[in-house]
Amino acid sequence: MSVRAWPTELRFSKSKRALGVAFDDGAAFSIPYKTLRLESPSAEVQGHGSGPKPPPPVISDDLGVEKADPVGRYAVRIFFTDGHSSGLFTWAYLRELGEKQAAG
């Protein structure tokens, strides 16, 4: 994985319920909204410190994205239709999620 790869496109597809992300090294991925929500880097989803990870949230099949805001030059905050918005998805984390999704 190229740590220095920058995203060249973030495309939120309402019909596919997925985020398409392309990087400047040519890699491109489609990450379902449900995966993004389940893997949110927020403490609410990942847990606090070294404690146990909380149970995964129950996520509706019709989960959507209301909006997304850039955070500096390193991340995006995604606002999901279920009200969750506390996770900051760094470019490296989106790349990691995309690679996991592509691997199956």
PDB file of N, CA and C in Angstrom:
ATOM      1  N   MET A   1       0.846  -1.181   0.000  1.00  0.00           N
ATOM      2  CA  MET A   1       0.000   0.000   0.000  1.00  0.00           C
ATOM      3  C   MET A   1       0.888   1.240   0.000  1.00  0.00           C
ATOM      4  N   SER A   2       0.554   2.160  -0.853  1.00  0.00           N
ATOM      5  CA  SER A   2       1.296   3.412  -0.909  1.00  0.00           C
ATOM      6  C   SER A   2       0.731   4.385   0.120  1.00  0.00           C
ATOM      7  N   VAL A   3       1.533   4.693   1.115  1.00  0.00           N
ATOM      8  CA  VAL A   3       1.095   5.599   2.176  1.00  0.00           C
ATOM      9  C   VAL A   3       0.925   7.010   1.624  1.00  0.00           C
ATOM     10  N   ARG A   4       1.645   7.326   0.580  1.00  0.00           N
ATOM     11  CA  ARG A   4       1.618   8.678   0.029  1.00  0.00           C
ATOM     12  C   ARG A   4       0.564   8.870  -1.061  1.00  0.00           C
ATOM     13  N   ALA A   5      -0.248   7.875  -1.324  1.00  0.00           N
ATOM     14  CA  ALA A   5      -1.282   8.017  -2.347  1.00  0.00           C
ATOM     15  C   ALA A   5      -2.373   8.961  -1.845  1.00  0.00           C
ATOM     16  N   TRP A   6      -2.738   9.891  -2.708  1.00  0.00           N
ATOM     17  CA  TRP A   6      -3.777  10.862  -2.380  1.00  0.00           C
ATOM     18  C   TRP A   6      -5.028  10.536  -3.168  1.00  0.00           C
ATOM     19  N   PRO A   7      -6.190  10.752  -2.576  1.00  0.00           N
ATOM     20  CA  PRO A   7      -7.416  10.514  -3.336  1.00  0.00           C
ATOM     21  C   PRO A   7      -7.574  11.592  -4.414  1.00  0.00           C
ATOM     22  N   THR A   8      -7.998  11.160  -5.580  1.00  0.00           N
ATOM     23  CA  THR A   8      -8.268  12.098  -6.664  1.00  0.00           C
ATOM     24  C   THR A   8      -9.764  12.268  -6.866  1.00  0.00           C
ATOM     25  N   GLU A   9     -10.540  11.340  -6.288  1.00  0.00           N
ATOM     26  CA  GLU A   9     -11.992  11.427  -6.421  1.00  0.00           C
ATOM     27  C   GLU A   9     -12.669  10.673  -5.288  1.00  0.00           C
ATOM     28  N   LEU A  10     -13.690  11.294  -4.734  1.00  0.00           N
ATOM     29  CA  LEU A  10     -14.615  10.642  -3.801  1.00  0.00           C
ATOM     30  C   LEU A  10     -15.990  10.818  -4.422  1.00  0.00           C
ATOM     31  N   ARG A  11     -16.644   9.718  -4.730  1.00  0.00           N
ATOM     32  CA  ARG A  11     -17.955   9.793  -5.370  1.00  0.00           C
ATOM     33  C   ARG A  11     -18.954   8.970  -4.552  1.00  0.00           C
ATOM     34  N   PHE A  12     -19.920   9.664  -3.999  1.00  0.00           N
ATOM     35  CA  PHE A  12     -20.957   9.007  -3.198  1.00  0.00           C
ATOM     36  C   PHE A  12     -22.106   8.630  -4.113  1.00  0.00           C
ATOM     37  N   SER A  13     -22.393   7.343  -4.225  1.00  0.00           N
ATOM     38  CA  SER A  13     -23.448   6.855  -5.105  1.00  0.00           C
ATOM     39  C   SER A  13     -24.669   6.465  -4.280  1.00  0.00           C
ATOM     40  N   LYS A  14     -25.715   7.245  -4.429  1.00  0.00           N
ATOM     41  CA  LYS A  14     -26.959   6.967  -3.714  1.00  0.00           C
ATOM     42  C   LYS A  14     -27.563   5.640  -4.180  1.00  0.00           C
ATOM     43  N   SER A  15     -27.531   5.385  -5.491  1.00  0.00           N
ATOM     44  CA  SER A  15     -28.136   4.168  -6.026  1.00  0.00           C
ATOM     45  C   SER A  15     -27.370   2.906  -5.622  1.00  0.00           C
ATOM     46  N   LYS A  16     -26.040   2.992  -5.588  1.00  0.00           N
ATOM     47  CA  LYS A  16     -25.218   1.836  -5.197  1.00  0.00           C
ATOM     48  C   LYS A  16     -25.014   1.754  -3.692  1.00  0.00           C
ATOM     49  N   ARG A  17     -25.346   2.843  -2.980  1.00  0.00           N
ATOM     50  CA  ARG A  17     -25.098   2.926  -1.538  1.00  0.00           C
ATOM     51  C   ARG A  17     -23.634   2.598  -1.237  1.00  0.00           C
ATOM     52  N   ALA A  18     -22.752   3.279  -1.987  1.00  0.00           N
ATOM     53  CA  ALA A  18     -21.322   3.024  -1.847  1.00  0.00           C
ATOM     54  C   ALA A  18     -20.529   4.287  -2.156  1.00  0.00           C
ATOM     55  N   LEU A  19     -19.339   4.343  -1.574  1.00  0.00           N
ATOM     56  CA  LEU A  19     -18.393   5.411  -1.853  1.00  0.00           C
ATOM     57  C   LEU A  19     -17.358   4.888  -2.831  1.00  0.00           C
ATOM     58  N   GLY A  20     -17.244   5.558  -3.965  1.00  0.00           N
ATOM     59  CA  GLY A  20     -16.187   5.246  -4.905  1.00  0.00           C
ATOM     60  C   GLY A  20     -15.018   6.169  -4.604  1.00  0.00           C
ATOM     61  N   VAL A  21     -13.839   5.599  -4.416  1.00  0.00           N
ATOM     62  CA  VAL A  21     -12.658   6.420  -4.130  1.00  0.00           C
ATOM     63  C   VAL A  21     -11.535   5.999  -5.070  1.00  0.00           C
ATOM     64  N   ALA A  22     -10.942   7.004  -5.725  1.00  0.00           N
ATOM     65  CA  ALA A  22      -9.822   6.758  -6.628  1.00  0.00           C
ATOM     66  C   ALA A  22      -8.599   7.489  -6.085  1.00  0.00           C
ATOM     67  N   PHE A  23      -7.438   6.877  -6.262  1.00  0.00           N
ATOM     68  CA  PHE A  23      -6.186   7.432  -5.764  1.00  0.00           C
ATOM     69  C   PHE A  23      -5.266   7.787  -6.918  1.00  0.00           C
ATOM     70  N   ASP A  24      -4.312   8.679  -6.648  1.00  0.00           N
ATOM     71  CA  ASP A  24      -3.415   9.164  -7.687  1.00  0.00           C
ATOM     72  C   ASP A  24      -2.432   8.118  -8.201  1.00  0.00           C
ATOM     73  N   ASP A  25      -2.371   6.963  -7.564  1.00  0.00           N
ATOM     74  CA  ASP A  25      -1.510   5.887  -8.068  1.00  0.00           C
ATOM     75  C   ASP A  25      -2.290   4.908  -8.951  1.00  0.00           C
ATOM     76  N   GLY A  26      -3.562   5.250  -9.245  1.00  0.00           N
ATOM     77  CA  GLY A  26      -4.386   4.416 -10.118  1.00  0.00           C
ATOM     78  C   GLY A  26      -5.314   3.455  -9.407  1.00  0.00           C
ATOM     79  N   ALA A  27      -5.129   3.248  -8.122  1.00  0.00           N
ATOM     80  CA  ALA A  27      -6.006   2.347  -7.382  1.00  0.00           C
ATOM     81  C   ALA A  27      -7.389   2.990  -7.234  1.00  0.00           C
ATOM     82  N   ALA A  28      -8.434   2.165  -7.331  1.00  0.00           N
ATOM     83  CA  ALA A  28      -9.802   2.645  -7.161  1.00  0.00           C
ATOM     84  C   ALA A  28     -10.620   1.567  -6.466  1.00  0.00           C
ATOM     85  N   PHE A  29     -11.506   1.999  -5.586  1.00  0.00           N
ATOM     86  CA  PHE A  29     -12.293   1.072  -4.795  1.00  0.00           C
ATOM     87  C   PHE A  29     -13.729   1.557  -4.673  1.00  0.00           C
ATOM     88  N   SER A  30     -14.631   0.619  -4.416  1.00  0.00           N
ATOM     89  CA  SER A  30     -16.011   0.934  -4.094  1.00  0.00           C
ATOM     90  C   SER A  30     -16.275   0.344  -2.707  1.00  0.00           C
ATOM     91  N   ILE A  31     -16.608   1.211  -1.758  1.00  0.00           N
ATOM     92  CA  ILE A  31     -16.807   0.770  -0.377  1.00  0.00           C
ATOM     93  C   ILE A  31     -18.263   1.013  -0.004  1.00  0.00           C
ATOM     94  N   PRO A  32     -19.019  -0.053   0.295  1.00  0.00           N
ATOM     95  CA  PRO A  32     -20.424   0.120   0.656  1.00  0.00           C
ATOM     96  C   PRO A  32     -20.589   1.007   1.893  1.00  0.00           C
ATOM     97  N   TYR A  33     -21.652   1.798   1.901  1.00  0.00           N
ATOM     98  CA  TYR A  33     -21.941   2.653   3.055  1.00  0.00           C
ATOM     99  C   TYR A  33     -22.011   1.827   4.332  1.00  0.00           C
ATOM    100  N   LYS A  34     -22.588   0.643   4.233  1.00  0.00           N
ATOM    101  CA  LYS A  34     -22.730  -0.215   5.418  1.00  0.00           C
ATOM    102  C   LYS A  34     -21.357  -0.573   6.000  1.00  0.00           C
ATOM    103  N   THR A  35     -20.389  -0.848   5.128  1.00  0.00           N
ATOM    104  CA  THR A  35     -19.029  -1.147   5.578  1.00  0.00           C
ATOM    105  C   THR A  35     -18.410   0.075   6.239  1.00  0.00           C
ATOM    106  N   LEU A  36     -18.577   1.234   5.604  1.00  0.00           N
ATOM    107  CA  LEU A  36     -18.042   2.465   6.188  1.00  0.00           C
ATOM    108  C   LEU A  36     -18.613   2.689   7.581  1.00  0.00           C
ATOM    109  N   ARG A  37     -19.905   2.464   7.730  1.00  0.00           N
ATOM    110  CA  ARG A  37     -20.553   2.691   9.035  1.00  0.00           C
ATOM    111  C   ARG A  37     -20.088   1.666  10.061  1.00  0.00           C
ATOM    112  N   LEU A  38     -20.004   0.388   9.661  1.00  0.00           N
ATOM    113  CA  LEU A  38     -19.562  -0.671  10.583  1.00  0.00           C
ATOM    114  C   LEU A  38     -18.108  -0.506  10.996  1.00  0.00           C
ATOM    115  N   GLU A  39     -17.287   0.055  10.112  1.00  0.00           N
ATOM    116  CA  GLU A  39     -15.858   0.211  10.365  1.00  0.00           C
ATOM    117  C   GLU A  39     -15.482   1.654  10.703  1.00  0.00           C
ATOM    118  N   SER A  40     -16.462   2.468  11.043  1.00  0.00           N
ATOM    119  CA  SER A  40     -16.176   3.863  11.385  1.00  0.00           C
ATOM    120  C   SER A  40     -15.049   3.927  12.409  1.00  0.00           C
ATOM    121  N   PRO A  41     -14.093   4.839  12.206  1.00  0.00           N
ATOM    122  CA  PRO A  41     -12.981   4.938  13.149  1.00  0.00           C
ATOM    123  C   PRO A  41     -13.341   5.653  14.456  1.00  0.00           C
ATOM    124  N   SER A  42     -14.603   5.908  14.695  1.00  0.00           N
ATOM    125  CA  SER A  42     -15.020   6.610  15.908  1.00  0.00           C
ATOM    126  C   SER A  42     -14.882   5.726  17.144  1.00  0.00           C
ATOM    127  N   ALA A  43     -14.729   6.354  18.291  1.00  0.00           N
ATOM    128  CA  ALA A  43     -14.654   5.620  19.558  1.00  0.00           C
ATOM    129  C   ALA A  43     -15.972   4.891  19.838  1.00  0.00           C
ATOM    130  N   GLU A  44     -17.074   5.457  19.375  1.00  0.00           N
ATOM    131  CA  GLU A  44     -18.391   4.831  19.560  1.00  0.00           C
ATOM    132  C   GLU A  44     -18.423   3.440  18.934  1.00  0.00           C
ATOM    133  N   VAL A  45     -17.760   3.280  17.798  1.00  0.00           N
ATOM    134  CA  VAL A  45     -17.750   2.004  17.088  1.00  0.00           C
ATOM    135  C   VAL A  45     -16.540   1.153  17.468  1.00  0.00           C
ATOM    136  N   GLN A  46     -15.363   1.769  17.572  1.00  0.00           N
ATOM    137  CA  GLN A  46     -14.125   1.027  17.816  1.00  0.00           C
ATOM    138  C   GLN A  46     -13.835   0.779  19.294  1.00  0.00           C
ATOM    139  N   GLY A  47     -14.473   1.531  20.165  1.00  0.00           N
ATOM    140  CA  GLY A  47     -14.202   1.405  21.594  1.00  0.00           C
ATOM    141  C   GLY A  47     -13.215   2.465  22.049  1.00  0.00           C
ATOM    142  N   HIS A  48     -13.025   2.543  23.333  1.00  0.00           N
ATOM    143  CA  HIS A  48     -12.144   3.551  23.924  1.00  0.00           C
ATOM    144  C   HIS A  48     -10.863   2.888  24.412  1.00  0.00           C
ATOM    145  N   GLY A  49      -9.723   3.401  23.974  1.00  0.00           N
ATOM    146  CA  GLY A  49      -8.435   2.907  24.460  1.00  0.00           C
ATOM    147  C   GLY A  49      -8.245   1.432  24.195  1.00  0.00           C
ATOM    148  N   SER A  50      -7.742   0.730  25.195  1.00  0.00           N
ATOM    149  CA  SER A  50      -7.434  -0.688  25.034  1.00  0.00           C
ATOM    150  C   SER A  50      -8.574  -1.583  25.500  1.00  0.00           C
ATOM    151  N   GLY A  51      -9.716  -0.984  25.851  1.00  0.00           N
ATOM    152  CA  GLY A  51     -10.869  -1.779  26.280  1.00  0.00           C
ATOM    153  C   GLY A  51     -11.447  -2.586  25.125  1.00  0.00           C
ATOM    154  N   PRO A  52     -12.409  -3.436  25.435  1.00  0.00           N
ATOM    155  CA  PRO A  52     -13.004  -4.268  24.390  1.00  0.00           C
ATOM    156  C   PRO A  52     -13.798  -3.425  23.391  1.00  0.00           C
ATOM    157  N   LYS A  53     -13.842  -3.911  22.168  1.00  0.00           N
ATOM    158  CA  LYS A  53     -14.616  -3.246  21.122  1.00  0.00           C
ATOM    159  C   LYS A  53     -16.101  -3.485  21.411  1.00  0.00           C
ATOM    160  N   PRO A  54     -16.927  -2.433  21.338  1.00  0.00           N
ATOM    161  CA  PRO A  54     -18.356  -2.622  21.595  1.00  0.00           C
ATOM    162  C   PRO A  54     -19.008  -3.488  20.516  1.00  0.00           C
ATOM    163  N   PRO A  55     -20.207  -4.004  20.795  1.00  0.00           N
ATOM    164  CA  PRO A  55     -20.891  -4.792  19.765  1.00  0.00           C
ATOM    165  C   PRO A  55     -21.171  -3.907  18.546  1.00  0.00           C
ATOM    166  N   PRO A  56     -21.179  -4.491  17.351  1.00  0.00           N
ATOM    167  CA  PRO A  56     -21.412  -3.681  16.154  1.00  0.00           C
ATOM    168  C   PRO A  56     -22.820  -3.075  16.170  1.00  0.00           C
ATOM    169  N   PRO A  57     -22.949  -1.872  15.612  1.00  0.00           N
ATOM    170  CA  PRO A  57     -24.266  -1.255  15.568  1.00  0.00           C
ATOM    171  C   PRO A  57     -25.181  -1.989  14.590  1.00  0.00           C
ATOM    172  N   VAL A  58     -26.476  -1.933  14.853  1.00  0.00           N
ATOM    173  CA  VAL A  58     -27.461  -2.476  13.924  1.00  0.00           C
ATOM    174  C   VAL A  58     -27.649  -1.423  12.831  1.00  0.00           C
ATOM    175  N   ILE A  59     -27.440  -1.826  11.600  1.00  0.00           N
ATOM    176  CA  ILE A  59     -27.477  -0.877  10.490  1.00  0.00           C
ATOM    177  C   ILE A  59     -28.536  -1.292   9.480  1.00  0.00           C
ATOM    178  N   SER A  60     -29.393  -0.353   9.160  1.00  0.00           N
ATOM    179  CA  SER A  60     -30.458  -0.576   8.194  1.00  0.00           C
ATOM    180  C   SER A  60     -29.883  -0.763   6.793  1.00  0.00           C
ATOM    181  N   ASP A  61     -30.548  -1.587   5.991  1.00  0.00           N
ATOM    182  CA  ASP A  61     -30.105  -1.805   4.615  1.00  0.00           C
ATOM    183  C   ASP A  61     -30.255  -0.550   3.754  1.00  0.00           C
ATOM    184  N   ASP A  62     -31.083   0.391   4.202  1.00  0.00           N
ATOM    185  CA  ASP A  62     -31.269   1.609   3.416  1.00  0.00           C
ATOM    186  C   ASP A  62     -30.413   2.775   3.930  1.00  0.00           C
ATOM    187  N   LEU A  63     -29.345   2.456   4.658  1.00  0.00           N
ATOM    188  CA  LEU A  63     -28.435   3.478   5.160  1.00  0.00           C
ATOM    189  C   LEU A  63     -27.921   4.327   4.006  1.00  0.00           C
ATOM    190  N   GLY A  64     -27.889   5.623   4.222  1.00  0.00           N
ATOM    191  CA  GLY A  64     -27.375   6.532   3.214  1.00  0.00           C
ATOM    192  C   GLY A  64     -26.388   7.507   3.818  1.00  0.00           C
ATOM    193  N   VAL A  65     -25.913   8.405   2.986  1.00  0.00           N
ATOM    194  CA  VAL A  65     -25.010   9.462   3.412  1.00  0.00           C
ATOM    195  C   VAL A  65     -25.690  10.793   3.119  1.00  0.00           C
ATOM    196  N   GLU A  66     -25.780  11.638   4.147  1.00  0.00           N
ATOM    197  CA  GLU A  66     -26.400  12.955   3.983  1.00  0.00           C
ATOM    198  C   GLU A  66     -25.423  13.960   3.391  1.00  0.00           C
ATOM    199  N   LYS A  67     -24.179  13.916   3.891  1.00  0.00           N
ATOM    200  CA  LYS A  67     -23.144  14.816   3.381  1.00  0.00           C
ATOM    201  C   LYS A  67     -21.792  14.330   3.867  1.00  0.00           C
ATOM    202  N   ALA A  68     -20.752  14.947   3.329  1.00  0.00           N
ATOM    203  CA  ALA A  68     -19.390  14.647   3.751  1.00  0.00           C
ATOM    204  C   ALA A  68     -18.610  15.957   3.728  1.00  0.00           C
ATOM    205  N   ASP A  69     -17.836  16.192   4.760  1.00  0.00           N
ATOM    206  CA  ASP A  69     -17.042  17.410   4.868  1.00  0.00           C
ATOM    207  C   ASP A  69     -15.557  17.070   4.937  1.00  0.00           C
ATOM    208  N   PRO A  70     -14.728  17.785   4.185  1.00  0.00           N
ATOM    209  CA  PRO A  70     -13.287  17.571   4.291  1.00  0.00           C
ATOM    210  C   PRO A  70     -12.783  18.012   5.667  1.00  0.00           C
ATOM    211  N   VAL A  71     -11.770  17.319   6.148  1.00  0.00           N
ATOM    212  CA  VAL A  71     -11.114  17.681   7.407  1.00  0.00           C
ATOM    213  C   VAL A  71      -9.644  17.898   7.061  1.00  0.00           C
ATOM    214  N   GLY A  72      -9.265  19.155   6.988  1.00  0.00           N
ATOM    215  CA  GLY A  72      -7.906  19.472   6.569  1.00  0.00           C
ATOM    216  C   GLY A  72      -7.620  18.870   5.215  1.00  0.00           C
ATOM    217  N   ARG A  73      -6.395  18.381   5.051  1.00  0.00           N
ATOM    218  CA  ARG A  73      -6.008  17.715   3.801  1.00  0.00           C
ATOM    219  C   ARG A  73      -5.794  16.222   4.016  1.00  0.00           C
ATOM    220  N   TYR A  74      -6.347  15.697   5.116  1.00  0.00           N
ATOM    221  CA  TYR A  74      -6.029  14.312   5.438  1.00  0.00           C
ATOM    222  C   TYR A  74      -7.223  13.392   5.641  1.00  0.00           C
ATOM    223  N   ALA A  75      -8.454  13.923   5.679  1.00  0.00           N
ATOM    224  CA  ALA A  75      -9.584  13.061   6.029  1.00  0.00           C
ATOM    225  C   ALA A  75     -10.904  13.660   5.556  1.00  0.00           C
ATOM    226  N   VAL A  76     -11.952  12.861   5.722  1.00  0.00           N
ATOM    227  CA  VAL A  76     -13.320  13.301   5.444  1.00  0.00           C
ATOM    228  C   VAL A  76     -14.207  12.817   6.592  1.00  0.00           C
ATOM    229  N   ARG A  77     -15.139  13.678   6.992  1.00  0.00           N
ATOM    230  CA  ARG A  77     -16.136  13.297   7.993  1.00  0.00           C
ATOM    231  C   ARG A  77     -17.418  12.988   7.221  1.00  0.00           C
ATOM    232  N   ILE A  78     -17.938  11.775   7.414  1.00  0.00           N
ATOM    233  CA  ILE A  78     -19.140  11.331   6.704  1.00  0.00           C
ATOM    234  C   ILE A  78     -20.331  11.405   7.652  1.00  0.00           C
ATOM    235  N   PHE A  79     -21.387  12.018   7.184  1.00  0.00           N
ATOM    236  CA  PHE A  79     -22.624  12.143   7.957  1.00  0.00           C
ATOM    237  C   PHE A  79     -23.629  11.135   7.400  1.00  0.00           C
ATOM    238  N   PHE A  80     -23.862  10.064   8.172  1.00  0.00           N
ATOM    239  CA  PHE A  80     -24.771   9.009   7.743  1.00  0.00           C
ATOM    240  C   PHE A  80     -26.214   9.355   8.097  1.00  0.00           C
ATOM    241  N   THR A  81     -27.158   8.746   7.391  1.00  0.00           N
ATOM    242  CA  THR A  81     -28.573   9.030   7.625  1.00  0.00           C
ATOM    243  C   THR A  81     -29.080   8.508   8.964  1.00  0.00           C
ATOM    244  N   ASP A  82     -28.309   7.652   9.634  1.00  0.00           N
ATOM    245  CA  ASP A  82     -28.722   7.187  10.965  1.00  0.00           C
ATOM    246  C   ASP A  82     -28.238   8.127  12.074  1.00  0.00           C
ATOM    247  N   GLY A  83     -27.631   9.257  11.687  1.00  0.00           N
ATOM    248  CA  GLY A  83     -27.183  10.248  12.664  1.00  0.00           C
ATOM    249  C   GLY A  83     -25.720  10.139  13.057  1.00  0.00           C
ATOM    250  N   HIS A  84     -25.046   9.071  12.654  1.00  0.00           N
ATOM    251  CA  HIS A  84     -23.635   8.894  13.023  1.00  0.00           C
ATOM    252  C   HIS A  84     -22.754   9.812  12.173  1.00  0.00           C
ATOM    253  N   SER A  85     -21.835  10.528  12.837  1.00  0.00           N
ATOM    254  CA  SER A  85     -20.922  11.401  12.089  1.00  0.00           C
ATOM    255  C   SER A  85     -19.622  11.667  12.835  1.00  0.00           C
ATOM    256  N   SER A  86     -19.313  10.856  13.830  1.00  0.00           N
ATOM    257  CA  SER A  86     -18.154  11.169  14.670  1.00  0.00           C
ATOM    258  C   SER A  86     -16.840  10.564  14.189  1.00  0.00           C
ATOM    259  N   GLY A  87     -16.853   9.769  13.142  1.00  0.00           N
ATOM    260  CA  GLY A  87     -15.609   9.166  12.669  1.00  0.00           C
ATOM    261  C   GLY A  87     -14.944   9.999  11.595  1.00  0.00           C
ATOM    262  N   LEU A  88     -13.623  10.140  11.691  1.00  0.00           N
ATOM    263  CA  LEU A  88     -12.845  10.816  10.654  1.00  0.00           C
ATOM    264  C   LEU A  88     -12.149   9.756   9.811  1.00  0.00           C
ATOM    265  N   PHE A  89     -12.519   9.681   8.552  1.00  0.00           N
ATOM    266  CA  PHE A  89     -11.958   8.695   7.650  1.00  0.00           C
ATOM    267  C   PHE A  89     -10.742   9.308   6.951  1.00  0.00           C
ATOM    268  N   THR A  90      -9.543   8.939   7.402  1.00  0.00           N
ATOM    269  CA  THR A  90      -8.325   9.443   6.765  1.00  0.00           C
ATOM    270  C   THR A  90      -8.176   8.776   5.403  1.00  0.00           C
ATOM    271  N   TRP A  91      -7.354   9.388   4.550  1.00  0.00           N
ATOM    272  CA  TRP A  91      -7.122   8.801   3.231  1.00  0.00           C
ATOM    273  C   TRP A  91      -6.531   7.405   3.372  1.00  0.00           C
ATOM    274  N   ALA A  92      -5.588   7.239   4.301  1.00  0.00           N
ATOM    275  CA  ALA A  92      -4.961   5.926   4.504  1.00  0.00           C
ATOM    276  C   ALA A  92      -5.993   4.900   4.966  1.00  0.00           C
ATOM    277  N   TYR A  93      -6.941   5.313   5.823  1.00  0.00           N
ATOM    278  CA  TYR A  93      -7.955   4.377   6.311  1.00  0.00           C
ATOM    279  C   TYR A  93      -8.932   4.008   5.191  1.00  0.00           C
ATOM    280  N   LEU A  94      -9.307   4.972   4.356  1.00  0.00           N
ATOM    281  CA  LEU A  94     -10.174   4.651   3.218  1.00  0.00           C
ATOM    282  C   LEU A  94      -9.468   3.676   2.280  1.00  0.00           C
ATOM    283  N   ARG A  95      -8.176   3.871   2.095  1.00  0.00           N
ATOM    284  CA  ARG A  95      -7.394   2.960   1.249  1.00  0.00           C
ATOM    285  C   ARG A  95      -7.408   1.555   1.851  1.00  0.00           C
ATOM    286  N   GLU A  96      -7.191   1.481   3.154  1.00  0.00           N
ATOM    287  CA  GLU A  96      -7.192   0.183   3.845  1.00  0.00           C
ATOM    288  C   GLU A  96      -8.554  -0.513   3.704  1.00  0.00           C
ATOM    289  N   LEU A  97      -9.634   0.228   3.926  1.00  0.00           N
ATOM    290  CA  LEU A  97     -10.977  -0.351   3.790  1.00  0.00           C
ATOM    291  C   LEU A  97     -11.229  -0.808   2.358  1.00  0.00           C
ATOM    292  N   GLY A  98     -10.787  -0.001   1.392  1.00  0.00           N
ATOM    293  CA  GLY A  98     -10.960  -0.368  -0.007  1.00  0.00           C
ATOM    294  C   GLY A  98     -10.220  -1.635  -0.373  1.00  0.00           C
ATOM    295  N   GLU A  99      -8.998  -1.751   0.123  1.00  0.00           N
ATOM    296  CA  GLU A  99      -8.201  -2.952  -0.161  1.00  0.00           C
ATOM    297  C   GLU A  99      -8.819  -4.185   0.481  1.00  0.00           C
ATOM    298  N   LYS A 100      -9.328  -4.047   1.693  1.00  0.00           N
ATOM    299  CA  LYS A 100     -10.008  -5.188   2.355  1.00  0.00           C
ATOM    300  C   LYS A 100     -11.241  -5.584   1.568  1.00  0.00           C
ATOM    301  N   GLN A 101     -12.006  -4.588   1.121  1.00  0.00           N
ATOM    302  CA  GLN A 101     -13.231  -4.851   0.350  1.00  0.00           C
ATOM    303  C   GLN A 101     -12.887  -5.577  -0.954  1.00  0.00           C
ATOM    304  N   ALA A 102     -11.836  -5.121  -1.624  1.00  0.00           N
ATOM    305  CA  ALA A 102     -11.430  -5.727  -2.898  1.00  0.00           C
ATOM    306  C   ALA A 102     -10.920  -7.159  -2.725  1.00  0.00           C
ATOM    307  N   ALA A 103     -10.295  -7.423  -1.571  1.00  0.00           N
ATOM    308  CA  ALA A 103      -9.753  -8.751  -1.300  1.00  0.00           C
ATOM    309  C   ALA A 103     -10.843  -9.768  -0.987  1.00  0.00           C
ATOM    310  N   GLY A 104     -12.020  -9.253  -0.659  1.00  0.00           N
ATOM    311  CA  GLY A 104     -13.124 -10.157  -0.477  1.00  0.00           C
ATOM    312  C   GLY A 104     -13.503 -10.427   0.905  1.00  0.00           C
TER     313      GLY A 104
END
